[in-house]
């Protein structure tokens, strides 16, 4: 009886671990696809749906496993550990070498791992069936299964992805699957035919996965380098994004989730166009709010105005702001903006901060990433802009970066329409940034806007004549009919994706 109780407890602990592993493989696949392909909502939705379907197939196939259930469970754990553990590395390598077959390989791998994981719990339940009633069997197994899923769902974004990265996280859970197999050998040794051979299989599997874990850093560095034209200077995975910094000669380039954010060769054009048309028209402005802009480059331009007394920057990711606060090359680029006593950095969600704050500002810079997914798209809705309006002084203004009016024409004018429905008067304009092409901005306020005749601060790109010309749109960028972007529909995200899909080769 004591032996049966020990085996039962061992299997329930195994269920906790294999449930954690199963969900971890699902989360890694979803995160990897969202990093590389964008649109996290779509990627996670399709990956999770495919994975759950595959688990159902695996559960159905388990009925054909009829003999040597303990041995089959051990072999299954070894197979799950190898396939699930190495899948992130394989997918990362495939994308780095040739992006075209990535989607096929991604969903093929998700199906394979899902089928294998789907086989696990039915086998455990059949092994336990000889000791427990059906009611106790289902309740205990499912309780432990759900607890394992809860544990990894909390640990993945807070600990695993930021500190280990996706490739090492996959291999770590592969090691756990293989360790479960070895533990099962120890507990059920008397029931195993050729137990020594099974021990050897476990040892070899553990050694292979451990070797992969040890070389994961080098492999990730090699694979990631294939994705970028210039040598990689810095990489970091935070709970919010993958940060990559490259350098070629004097050109520093920042990529977030594989998307270019700026090139130091021409970022001044983008940030001068973002800040000065609005701020130069407000000589009385003293307090400025920056939403996003964790690189500090917009703050650098704001601090050129000596009358500015305080700048509040709200950016979600402390990994970004700390990087641009501490790295010497990046401090030089943003002019030590984050070391100015006038600047306060707050790392939190911009929408939540606006809801909680009662402060008003003379000028607001909204420098969010493009609305390529629904998580960011909510920051371009009428709901967000109405919230923003509460923090803009009556005679103040806000400026919003709003993608390209050339490559994503309808998306750009959708943002204009959204601001207008939220109660703002708008002044759309654009500037050429060579790294991105023609780029769009929108000034928003309660009063009509008149471009200043001259700029009161030194600039490299803008002057009075250039500034005035920015508010004129050629026929191929001029306004088109567009519906406002509402929180419950987010038509902007779909429009943005469709237009850029046709623009990028």
Protein backbone atom coordinates (compact mmCIF):
# COMPACT_ATOMS: atom_id res chain seq x y z
CA UNK A 1 0.00 0.00 0.00
CA UNK A 2 2.85 2.37 0.89
CA UNK A 3 4.46 1.70 -2.48
CA UNK A 4 1.23 2.45 -4.33
CA UNK A 5 0.80 5.68 -2.37
CA UNK A 6 4.34 6.73 -3.26
CA UNK A 7 3.72 6.00 -6.91
CA UNK A 8 0.46 7.95 -6.83
CA UNK A 9 2.13 10.98 -5.27
CA UNK A 10 4.99 10.74 -7.76
CA UNK A 11 2.56 10.72 -10.66
CA UNK A 12 0.61 13.70 -9.30
CA UNK A 13 3.83 15.68 -8.92
CA UNK A 14 4.67 14.63 -12.46
CA UNK A 15 1.31 15.97 -13.62
CA UNK A 16 2.14 19.33 -12.05
CA UNK A 17 5.47 19.46 -13.89
CA UNK A 18 4.21 18.23 -17.25
CA UNK A 19 1.30 20.71 -17.10
CA UNK A 20 3.83 23.47 -16.49
CA UNK A 21 5.94 22.25 -19.38
CA UNK A 22 2.97 21.96 -21.73
CA UNK A 23 1.83 25.51 -21.11
CA UNK A 24 5.41 26.80 -21.28
CA UNK A 25 5.88 25.41 -24.81
CA UNK A 26 2.61 27.08 -25.81
CA UNK A 27 3.66 30.44 -24.35
CA UNK A 28 7.13 30.28 -25.90
CA UNK A 29 5.68 29.57 -29.35
CA UNK A 30 3.18 32.43 -29.02
CA UNK A 31 5.81 34.87 -27.78
CA UNK A 32 8.33 33.86 -30.44
CA UNK A 33 5.80 34.25 -33.25
CA UNK A 34 4.68 37.65 -31.93
CA UNK A 35 8.30 38.85 -31.65
CA UNK A 36 9.14 37.76 -35.19
CA UNK A 37 5.83 38.27 -37.00
CA UNK A 38 4.18 41.04 -34.96
CA UNK A 39 0.51 41.35 -33.94
CA UNK A 40 0.66 39.55 -30.61
CA UNK A 41 -3.12 39.09 -30.40
CA UNK A 42 -3.32 37.22 -33.71
CA UNK A 43 -0.20 35.15 -33.05
CA UNK A 44 -1.19 34.07 -29.55
CA UNK A 45 -4.76 33.36 -30.65
CA UNK A 46 -3.78 31.15 -33.57
CA UNK A 47 -0.95 29.40 -31.71
CA UNK A 48 -3.14 28.65 -28.68
CA UNK A 49 -6.01 27.45 -30.88
CA UNK A 50 -3.73 25.17 -32.89
CA UNK A 51 -2.07 23.88 -29.74
CA UNK A 52 -5.36 23.04 -28.01
CA UNK A 53 -6.62 21.29 -31.13
CA UNK A 54 -3.42 19.24 -31.26
CA UNK A 55 -3.79 18.33 -27.58
CA UNK A 56 -7.27 17.05 -28.36
CA UNK A 57 -5.83 14.90 -31.14
CA UNK A 58 -3.21 13.59 -28.71
CA UNK A 59 -5.84 12.71 -26.12
CA UNK A 60 -7.81 10.84 -28.77
CA UNK A 61 -4.71 8.94 -29.92
CA UNK A 62 -3.93 7.87 -26.34
CA UNK A 63 -6.61 5.19 -26.55
CA UNK A 64 -4.37 3.27 -28.93
CA UNK A 65 -1.62 2.99 -26.29
CA UNK A 66 -2.66 -0.25 -24.61
CA UNK A 67 0.38 -1.96 -23.10
CA UNK A 68 3.33 -1.02 -20.88
CA UNK A 69 1.72 2.28 -19.89
CA UNK A 70 4.49 3.34 -17.50
CA UNK A 71 7.18 2.68 -20.11
CA UNK A 72 5.20 4.57 -22.76
CA UNK A 73 4.75 7.51 -20.35
CA UNK A 74 8.50 7.66 -19.73
CA UNK A 75 9.32 7.48 -23.43
CA UNK A 76 6.70 10.13 -24.14
CA UNK A 77 8.27 12.48 -21.59
CA UNK A 78 11.66 12.06 -23.24
CA UNK A 79 10.17 12.77 -26.65
CA UNK A 80 8.27 15.83 -25.39
CA UNK A 81 11.45 17.11 -23.76
CA UNK A 82 13.44 16.80 -26.99
CA UNK A 83 10.81 18.11 -29.39
CA UNK A 84 9.36 20.79 -27.12
CA UNK A 85 12.72 21.85 -25.74
CA UNK A 86 14.44 22.34 -29.09
CA UNK A 87 11.45 23.75 -30.99
CA UNK A 88 12.14 27.43 -30.05
CA UNK A 89 15.78 27.13 -31.14
CA UNK A 90 14.80 25.45 -34.40
CA UNK A 91 12.16 28.06 -35.19
CA UNK A 92 14.50 30.92 -34.35
CA UNK A 93 17.18 29.44 -36.61
CA UNK A 94 14.72 28.88 -39.48
CA UNK A 95 13.50 32.48 -39.31
CA UNK A 96 17.05 33.79 -39.21
CA UNK A 97 18.12 31.87 -42.31
CA UNK A 98 14.95 32.02 -44.41
CA UNK A 99 11.79 33.71 -43.14
CA UNK A 100 9.50 32.33 -45.87
CA UNK A 101 8.82 28.82 -44.42
CA UNK A 102 8.62 30.07 -40.83
CA UNK A 103 4.82 30.01 -40.53
CA UNK A 104 4.58 26.48 -41.90
CA UNK A 105 7.30 25.27 -39.55
CA UNK A 106 5.78 27.17 -36.62
CA UNK A 107 2.36 25.56 -36.87
CA UNK A 108 3.86 22.19 -37.73
CA UNK A 109 5.94 22.33 -34.55
CA UNK A 110 2.95 23.53 -32.50
CA UNK A 111 0.88 20.62 -33.82
CA UNK A 112 3.64 18.10 -33.05
CA UNK A 113 4.27 19.33 -29.51
CA UNK A 114 0.53 19.67 -28.85
CA UNK A 115 -0.17 16.08 -29.89
CA UNK A 116 2.61 14.78 -27.64
CA UNK A 117 1.48 16.88 -24.67
CA UNK A 118 -2.12 15.77 -25.25
CA UNK A 119 -1.04 12.16 -24.77
CA UNK A 120 0.45 12.77 -21.30
CA UNK A 121 -2.51 13.30 -18.97
CA UNK A 122 -4.65 10.44 -20.35
CA UNK A 123 -1.75 8.05 -19.81
CA UNK A 124 -1.25 9.26 -16.23
CA UNK A 125 -4.95 8.87 -15.51
CA UNK A 126 -4.97 5.33 -16.83
CA UNK A 127 -1.96 4.45 -14.67
CA UNK A 128 -3.67 5.90 -11.58
CA UNK A 129 -7.03 4.31 -12.36
CA UNK A 130 -6.15 1.09 -10.56
CA UNK A 131 -5.94 2.93 -7.21
CA UNK A 132 -8.39 5.84 -7.35
CA UNK A 133 -12.11 6.07 -8.04
CA UNK A 134 -13.07 7.94 -11.19
CA UNK A 135 -14.28 10.94 -9.16
CA UNK A 136 -11.05 11.22 -7.15
CA UNK A 137 -8.95 10.50 -10.21
CA UNK A 138 -10.41 13.32 -12.29
CA UNK A 139 -10.49 15.86 -9.44
CA UNK A 140 -6.91 15.23 -8.27
CA UNK A 141 -5.33 15.08 -11.72
CA UNK A 142 -7.12 18.15 -13.05
CA UNK A 143 -6.46 20.14 -9.87
CA UNK A 144 -2.73 19.50 -10.08
CA UNK A 145 -2.79 20.09 -13.83
CA UNK A 146 -4.38 23.54 -13.42
CA UNK A 147 -2.02 24.47 -10.59
CA UNK A 148 0.95 23.68 -12.81
CA UNK A 149 -0.48 25.84 -15.57
CA UNK A 150 -1.02 28.70 -13.11
CA UNK A 151 2.55 28.52 -11.84
CA UNK A 152 4.16 28.75 -15.26
CA UNK A 153 1.73 31.43 -16.50
CA UNK A 154 2.97 33.68 -13.68
CA UNK A 155 6.64 32.73 -13.94
CA UNK A 156 6.90 33.03 -17.74
CA UNK A 157 6.47 36.81 -18.16
CA UNK A 158 8.02 37.80 -14.84
CA UNK A 159 11.04 35.51 -14.58
CA UNK A 160 11.62 33.10 -17.41
CA UNK A 161 11.36 35.14 -20.62
CA UNK A 162 13.17 38.24 -19.26
CA UNK A 163 16.05 36.34 -17.62
CA UNK A 164 16.48 33.19 -19.70
CA UNK A 165 15.11 34.23 -23.08
CA UNK A 166 12.78 32.10 -25.18
CA UNK A 167 15.32 29.54 -26.42
CA UNK A 168 16.70 28.74 -22.96
CA UNK A 169 13.20 28.72 -21.48
CA UNK A 170 12.14 26.04 -23.96
CA UNK A 171 15.20 23.95 -23.17
CA UNK A 172 14.69 24.38 -19.41
CA UNK A 173 11.24 22.81 -19.65
CA UNK A 174 12.66 20.13 -21.91
CA UNK A 175 15.03 19.27 -19.07
CA UNK A 176 12.09 19.12 -16.68
CA UNK A 177 10.23 16.67 -18.94
CA UNK A 178 13.32 14.48 -19.15
CA UNK A 179 13.79 14.72 -15.38
CA UNK A 180 10.19 13.53 -14.88
CA UNK A 181 10.99 10.53 -17.05
CA UNK A 182 14.07 9.67 -14.98
CA UNK A 183 12.11 10.09 -11.75
CA UNK A 184 9.41 7.77 -13.07
CA UNK A 185 12.08 5.15 -13.79
CA UNK A 186 13.20 5.32 -10.17
CA UNK A 187 9.66 5.06 -8.80
CA UNK A 188 8.37 2.37 -11.18
CA UNK A 189 11.61 0.48 -11.75
CA UNK A 190 10.09 -2.86 -10.74
CA UNK A 191 7.40 -2.54 -13.43
CA UNK A 192 9.78 -1.68 -16.26
CA UNK A 193 11.16 -4.22 -18.69
CA UNK A 194 14.82 -3.48 -19.49
CA UNK A 195 14.99 -0.73 -16.87
CA UNK A 196 18.72 -0.16 -17.46
CA UNK A 197 18.12 0.62 -21.12
CA UNK A 198 15.44 3.13 -20.14
CA UNK A 199 17.87 4.78 -17.69
CA UNK A 200 20.39 5.12 -20.50
CA UNK A 201 17.73 6.71 -22.72
CA UNK A 202 16.94 9.21 -19.97
CA UNK A 203 20.60 10.00 -19.39
CA UNK A 204 21.29 10.56 -23.09
CA UNK A 205 18.22 12.79 -23.47
CA UNK A 206 19.16 14.84 -20.43
CA UNK A 207 22.72 15.22 -21.71
CA UNK A 208 21.57 16.35 -25.16
CA UNK A 209 19.13 18.94 -23.79
CA UNK A 210 21.65 20.14 -21.20
CA UNK A 211 24.22 20.61 -23.95
CA UNK A 212 21.66 22.59 -25.93
CA UNK A 213 20.99 24.75 -22.88
CA UNK A 214 24.70 25.39 -22.45
CA UNK A 215 25.17 26.46 -26.08
CA UNK A 216 21.86 28.36 -26.31
CA UNK A 217 23.50 31.73 -25.74
CA UNK A 218 25.94 31.29 -28.62
CA UNK A 219 23.24 29.92 -30.89
CA UNK A 220 20.83 32.75 -30.11
CA UNK A 221 23.57 35.29 -30.76
CA UNK A 222 24.40 33.69 -34.12
CA UNK A 223 20.77 33.33 -35.20
CA UNK A 224 19.84 36.85 -34.20
CA UNK A 225 22.83 38.28 -36.00
CA UNK A 226 21.58 36.72 -39.25
CA UNK A 227 18.43 38.83 -38.93
CA UNK A 228 20.26 42.16 -38.85
CA UNK A 229 22.45 43.80 -41.41
CA UNK A 230 24.82 45.38 -38.88
CA UNK A 231 26.70 43.85 -35.93
CA UNK A 232 24.60 43.50 -32.77
CA UNK A 233 25.82 45.64 -29.91
CA UNK A 234 23.23 44.79 -27.25
CA UNK A 235 20.22 42.51 -26.74
CA UNK A 236 17.74 42.17 -23.93
CA UNK A 237 14.38 40.50 -23.49
CA UNK A 238 12.09 42.37 -21.10
CA UNK A 239 8.56 41.38 -20.03
CA UNK A 240 7.30 43.70 -22.77
CA UNK A 241 9.57 43.37 -25.78
CA UNK A 242 12.84 42.23 -27.33
CA UNK A 243 15.39 45.06 -27.45
CA UNK A 244 18.19 44.86 -30.01
CA UNK A 245 20.78 47.57 -30.65
CA UNK A 246 23.07 47.35 -33.70
CA UNK A 247 25.98 49.48 -34.81
CA UNK A 248 27.78 50.12 -38.08
CA UNK A 249 30.48 52.77 -37.89
CA UNK A 250 28.67 55.73 -36.28
CA UNK A 251 25.15 54.50 -37.00
CA UNK A 252 23.33 53.08 -33.97
CA UNK A 253 20.00 51.41 -34.71
CA UNK A 254 17.36 50.38 -32.21
CA UNK A 255 14.98 47.49 -32.95
CA UNK A 256 12.02 46.49 -30.79
CA UNK A 257 10.55 43.08 -31.57
CA UNK A 258 12.47 43.09 -34.85
CA UNK A 259 11.06 46.49 -35.92
CA UNK A 260 13.36 49.48 -36.52
CA UNK A 261 12.66 52.33 -34.10
CA UNK A 262 15.39 54.74 -35.09
CA UNK A 263 18.74 55.16 -36.82
CA UNK A 264 21.14 57.62 -35.22
CA UNK A 265 22.03 58.81 -38.72
CA UNK A 266 18.67 60.54 -39.16
CA UNK A 267 16.70 60.25 -35.90
CA UNK A 268 17.16 63.99 -35.38
CA UNK A 269 14.82 64.57 -38.33
CA UNK A 270 12.11 62.47 -36.73
CA UNK A 271 12.44 63.98 -33.25
CA UNK A 272 12.83 67.59 -34.38
CA UNK A 273 9.67 67.18 -36.46
CA UNK A 274 7.92 65.55 -33.51
CA UNK A 275 8.70 68.23 -30.93
CA UNK A 276 9.42 71.66 -32.40
CA UNK A 277 6.35 72.50 -34.55
CA UNK A 278 4.19 72.24 -31.44
CA UNK A 279 6.49 73.38 -28.65
CA UNK A 280 7.88 76.39 -30.57
CA UNK A 281 4.31 77.68 -30.87
CA UNK A 282 3.90 77.69 -27.08
CA UNK A 283 6.52 80.13 -25.72
CA UNK A 284 4.71 80.17 -22.38
CA UNK A 285 4.91 76.37 -21.93
CA UNK A 286 6.55 75.19 -18.73
CA UNK A 287 5.38 71.63 -18.12
CA UNK A 288 5.68 68.83 -20.70
CA UNK A 289 4.47 65.23 -20.69
CA UNK A 290 6.03 62.54 -22.90
CA UNK A 291 4.13 59.26 -23.34
CA UNK A 292 6.39 56.54 -24.73
CA UNK A 293 9.71 57.81 -26.04
CA UNK A 294 11.75 55.67 -23.65
CA UNK A 295 14.92 56.44 -25.64
CA UNK A 296 14.94 60.02 -24.32
CA UNK A 297 15.45 61.52 -27.79
CA UNK A 298 12.24 63.55 -27.71
CA UNK A 299 13.19 64.74 -24.21
CA UNK A 300 16.54 65.90 -25.60
CA UNK A 301 14.72 68.21 -28.03
CA UNK A 302 12.32 69.45 -25.32
CA UNK A 303 15.19 70.39 -23.00
CA UNK A 304 16.54 72.80 -25.63
CA UNK A 305 13.84 75.23 -24.45
CA UNK A 306 15.21 76.99 -21.35
CA UNK A 307 11.75 77.98 -20.09
CA UNK A 308 10.74 74.32 -19.63
CA UNK A 309 10.64 73.64 -15.90
CA UNK A 310 9.55 69.99 -15.74
CA UNK A 311 9.30 67.00 -18.09
CA UNK A 312 7.40 63.86 -17.07
CA UNK A 313 8.15 60.80 -19.20
CA UNK A 314 5.84 57.79 -18.87
CA UNK A 315 7.15 54.63 -20.55
CA UNK A 316 6.00 51.08 -19.88
CA UNK A 317 9.38 49.36 -20.06
CA UNK A 318 12.06 50.09 -17.42
CA UNK A 319 14.45 48.06 -19.55
CA UNK A 320 14.31 50.78 -22.22
CA UNK A 321 14.67 53.78 -19.96
CA UNK A 322 17.49 52.23 -17.92
CA UNK A 323 19.38 51.34 -21.10
CA UNK A 324 19.17 54.90 -22.42
CA UNK A 325 19.96 56.31 -19.00
CA UNK A 326 23.11 54.26 -18.40
CA UNK A 327 24.77 53.20 -21.71
CA UNK A 328 27.47 55.80 -22.59
CA UNK A 329 26.82 55.78 -26.35
CA UNK A 330 23.08 56.20 -25.83
CA UNK A 331 23.53 58.88 -23.19
CA UNK A 332 25.60 60.78 -25.71
CA UNK A 333 22.83 60.36 -28.28
CA UNK A 334 20.05 61.70 -26.05
CA UNK A 335 22.23 64.38 -24.46
CA UNK A 336 22.04 62.82 -20.98
CA UNK A 337 18.33 63.63 -21.02
CA UNK A 338 17.49 61.22 -18.20
CA UNK A 339 20.11 62.82 -15.95
CA UNK A 340 18.52 66.25 -16.13
CA UNK A 341 16.99 67.40 -12.81
CA UNK A 342 14.01 68.63 -14.83
CA UNK A 343 13.11 65.10 -15.98
CA UNK A 344 11.03 62.55 -14.08
CA UNK A 345 10.78 59.02 -15.49
CA UNK A 346 7.78 56.86 -14.57
CA UNK A 347 7.64 53.25 -15.72
CA UNK A 348 4.01 52.24 -15.99
CA UNK A 349 1.19 51.85 -18.49
CA UNK A 350 0.42 55.24 -20.05
CA UNK A 351 -3.35 54.74 -20.05
CA UNK A 352 -3.42 53.69 -16.41
CA UNK A 353 -1.21 56.62 -15.45
CA UNK A 354 -3.49 59.09 -17.24
CA UNK A 355 -6.49 57.63 -15.43
CA UNK A 356 -4.84 58.03 -12.02
CA UNK A 357 -3.15 61.40 -12.53
CA UNK A 358 -4.80 64.80 -12.13
CA UNK A 359 -1.92 66.82 -13.61
CA UNK A 360 -2.25 69.10 -16.62
CA UNK A 361 0.51 69.87 -19.07
CA UNK A 362 1.19 72.66 -21.52
CA UNK A 363 2.54 70.29 -24.17
CA UNK A 364 2.19 66.54 -24.55
CA UNK A 365 4.29 64.31 -26.83
CA UNK A 366 2.65 60.98 -27.68
CA UNK A 367 5.43 58.82 -29.12
CA UNK A 368 4.04 55.29 -29.11
CA UNK A 369 4.99 52.50 -31.54
CA UNK A 370 2.81 52.13 -34.62
CA UNK A 371 -0.63 50.50 -34.09
CA UNK A 372 0.47 47.11 -35.43
CA UNK A 373 -1.49 45.15 -32.82
CA UNK A 374 -4.50 45.60 -30.57
CA UNK A 375 -2.39 46.12 -27.44
CA UNK A 376 -0.89 49.26 -28.97
CA UNK A 377 -3.98 50.10 -31.02
CA UNK A 378 -5.91 50.92 -27.83
CA UNK A 379 -3.56 53.91 -27.44
CA UNK A 380 -4.89 55.33 -30.72
CA UNK A 381 -8.61 55.20 -29.88
CA UNK A 382 -11.22 57.87 -29.12
CA UNK A 383 -11.30 56.57 -25.53
CA UNK A 384 -7.58 57.18 -25.07
CA UNK A 385 -7.62 60.60 -26.73
CA UNK A 386 -10.55 61.75 -24.57
CA UNK A 387 -8.54 60.66 -21.56
CA UNK A 388 -5.52 62.52 -22.94
CA UNK A 389 -7.58 65.70 -23.40
CA UNK A 390 -8.09 65.93 -19.63
CA UNK A 391 -4.34 66.42 -19.20
CA UNK A 392 -3.77 69.07 -21.88
CA UNK A 393 -3.99 72.69 -20.70
CA UNK A 394 -6.82 74.72 -22.30
CA UNK A 395 -4.41 76.55 -24.60
CA UNK A 396 -1.91 73.69 -24.78
CA UNK A 397 -1.31 71.11 -27.47
CA UNK A 398 -0.43 67.49 -27.96
CA UNK A 399 1.52 65.94 -30.82
CA UNK A 400 1.02 62.34 -31.94
CA UNK A 401 3.30 60.31 -34.16
CA UNK A 402 0.92 58.66 -36.58
CA UNK A 403 2.73 56.39 -39.08
CA UNK A 404 3.34 57.21 -42.75
CA UNK A 405 0.75 59.15 -44.76
CA UNK A 406 2.38 57.72 -47.90
CA UNK A 407 2.69 54.00 -47.10
CA UNK A 408 -0.28 53.82 -44.73
CA UNK A 409 -2.40 56.69 -45.98
CA UNK A 410 -5.79 55.59 -44.67
CA UNK A 411 -4.31 54.55 -41.31
CA UNK A 412 -2.78 58.01 -40.92
CA UNK A 413 -6.04 59.83 -41.65
CA UNK A 414 -7.85 57.41 -39.36
CA UNK A 415 -5.77 58.77 -36.49
CA UNK A 416 -6.69 62.31 -37.56
CA UNK A 417 -10.40 61.39 -37.63
CA UNK A 418 -10.09 59.73 -34.21
CA UNK A 419 -8.56 62.82 -32.62
CA UNK A 420 -11.26 65.01 -34.14
CA UNK A 421 -14.04 62.79 -32.81
CA UNK A 422 -12.40 62.99 -29.39
CA UNK A 423 -12.87 66.78 -29.50
CA UNK A 424 -9.49 68.03 -30.72
CA UNK A 425 -8.77 70.48 -33.52
CA UNK A 426 -6.02 68.91 -35.62
CA UNK A 427 -3.11 70.15 -37.70
CA UNK A 428 -1.69 67.17 -39.66
CA UNK A 429 1.86 67.38 -41.04
CA UNK A 430 4.68 65.20 -42.30
CA UNK A 431 8.45 65.04 -42.70
CA UNK A 432 10.93 62.92 -44.62
CA UNK A 433 12.97 60.57 -42.42
CA UNK A 434 15.22 58.54 -44.76
CA UNK A 435 15.19 55.40 -42.59
CA UNK A 436 11.38 55.27 -42.69
CA UNK A 437 10.31 57.39 -45.64
CA UNK A 438 7.66 60.08 -45.44
CA UNK A 439 6.42 60.15 -41.86
CA UNK A 440 3.28 61.64 -40.36
CA UNK A 441 2.48 63.62 -37.22
CA UNK A 442 -0.62 65.36 -35.89
CA UNK A 443 -0.85 68.40 -33.65
CA UNK A 444 -4.01 68.40 -31.54
CA UNK A 445 -5.48 71.12 -29.34
CA UNK A 446 -8.58 73.16 -28.60
CA UNK A 447 -7.43 76.25 -30.52
CA UNK A 448 -6.43 76.69 -34.18
CA UNK A 449 -2.73 76.20 -34.92
CA UNK A 450 -0.44 78.57 -36.78
CA UNK A 451 3.14 77.42 -37.56
CA UNK A 452 5.78 79.73 -36.04
CA UNK A 453 7.80 81.78 -38.51
CA UNK A 454 11.09 80.73 -36.89
CA UNK A 455 12.41 78.32 -34.30
CA UNK A 456 13.88 79.73 -31.06
CA UNK A 457 16.29 76.80 -30.50
CA UNK A 458 19.12 75.27 -32.56
CA UNK A 459 18.16 72.47 -34.96
CA UNK A 460 19.87 70.40 -37.64
CA UNK A 461 16.89 69.88 -39.92
CA UNK A 462 14.04 72.29 -39.29
CA UNK A 463 13.80 75.98 -39.99
CA UNK A 464 10.85 78.30 -40.48
CA UNK A 465 10.48 77.61 -44.19
CA UNK A 466 10.80 73.84 -43.84
CA UNK A 467 8.31 73.83 -40.98
CA UNK A 468 5.64 75.69 -42.95
CA UNK A 469 5.98 73.31 -45.91
CA UNK A 470 5.40 70.27 -43.67
CA UNK A 471 1.71 71.12 -43.32
CA UNK A 472 1.07 70.79 -47.06
CA UNK A 473 0.18 67.35 -48.42
CA UNK A 474 0.71 66.22 -52.01
CA UNK A 475 -2.16 64.54 -53.85
CA UNK A 476 -0.89 61.03 -53.09
CA UNK A 477 -0.88 61.73 -49.33
CA UNK A 478 -3.84 64.08 -49.01
CA UNK A 479 -6.83 63.28 -46.82
CA UNK A 480 -9.01 60.27 -47.60
CA UNK A 481 -12.24 59.16 -45.95
CA UNK A 482 -11.55 57.23 -42.75
CA UNK A 483 -13.62 56.12 -39.77
CA UNK A 484 -12.47 56.97 -36.23
CA UNK A 485 -10.77 54.20 -34.28
CA UNK A 486 -12.94 52.97 -31.40
CA UNK A 487 -11.79 50.74 -28.57
CA UNK A 488 -14.35 48.01 -29.21
CA UNK A 489 -13.52 47.62 -32.92
CA UNK A 490 -9.99 48.96 -33.50
CA UNK A 491 -10.37 49.25 -37.25
CA UNK A 492 -7.06 51.14 -37.30
CA UNK A 493 -5.04 48.00 -36.57
CA UNK A 494 -6.54 46.11 -39.50
CA UNK A 495 -6.11 49.11 -41.82
CA UNK A 496 -2.51 49.60 -40.71
CA UNK A 497 -1.62 45.93 -41.21
CA UNK A 498 -3.23 45.78 -44.64
CA UNK A 499 -1.52 48.91 -45.95
CA UNK A 500 1.94 48.05 -44.65
CA UNK A 501 1.61 44.48 -45.91
CA UNK A 502 1.35 45.87 -49.44
CA UNK A 503 4.09 48.42 -48.85
CA UNK A 504 6.81 46.07 -47.58
CA UNK A 505 8.38 43.61 -49.99
